[in-house]
Amino acid sequence: MKWGLICNYHVKKACSLALDLYEFLSEKDKVFVEDTFAKKQNMKGFSHEEINKKADIVVTVGGDGTILRALEKIDKPVFAINSGGMGFLSEVESKYAKEGLQRVINGDYNVEERAKLKVLVNGKRLPDAANEVTVQTARIAKMIYLQVFVENDLLDTFGGDGVIVATPTGSTSYALSAGGPILDPAVNAMVIAPLAPFKLSARPWVIPLEK
C-alpha cells in the first residue's frame, strides 16, 4: 500500500507528527510527501496531483483546512489526523494516529464517500470544492443581484451579499451560519443558501446533487 502525506506545514506540532508518521509508514511501503513540506525537511517532494496518481491512501495531518486543501486535487481515500484547532472532518486525534494507521494497514477500515462540487467560471475549471462554493459581492455593503438556475430553470432572483452552494460536508460550515440545514453526508443533495438576501421569501433550498 503506497501512501501520500500532506500536513499543515505552518504548524510545528503538525510537522513534528508528520515526520514521525513518515518514518512509521516508510517501514511499511513507499511514502509520497507533499512538496512544500518536503522542501523544509530536505526530502523529495511531490505535488498533490502527483500524490493522487501514485498513492493508494493519503494521510493528512492538521485541521479541517488541511483536509479541504488536499481534497481540491485528491480523489483517493483520505485518512485525516487532527493536530489543529478544528477537527470536525478528522478520523482520529494525533495521539491515536499510529494506532489508526495500523488498523488501515491491517485492512480494518471503511471508506466513506463524500460529494465534491465541480466549479466553472466563464468556462474555466476551478479546483473542486468539498465544502462549498460562494458567489459574493466584491465590495463590502454593496448589494449583488443574482439569478439562481437549476437545470436551466430559474429557481429564484434576489439581491443580497451573495449565495452559497454547499455539499453535505459543507452544510455544517458557512451555509449553516447562513441559515441552511445540516445534511447527513449520506444524503445525495446540496444546499443553496442566500447570503443576507433582501427578500423575505429567499430561503435555503435542498437540491439533488445530480441536478
Foldseek 3Di string as FASTA:
>chain_A
DEEEEFEDLVDPVQLVLSVVVCVVCVVVHHYAYADVSCVVVVHDHDHLLVRQVPGQEYEYGEAPVRVQVSQLRHDHHYAYEYPYDHHPPHDYYSVCVVVVVVCVVVVNDDGDDADWAFDDDPNRTDGIGRFKDKDFDPDPPDKDWDFDDDPNHTPDIWIDGTKIKTTLNNCVDPVVVLVGDRDDRVQQWIKIGGHGTPDPPRGIDIGGNVD
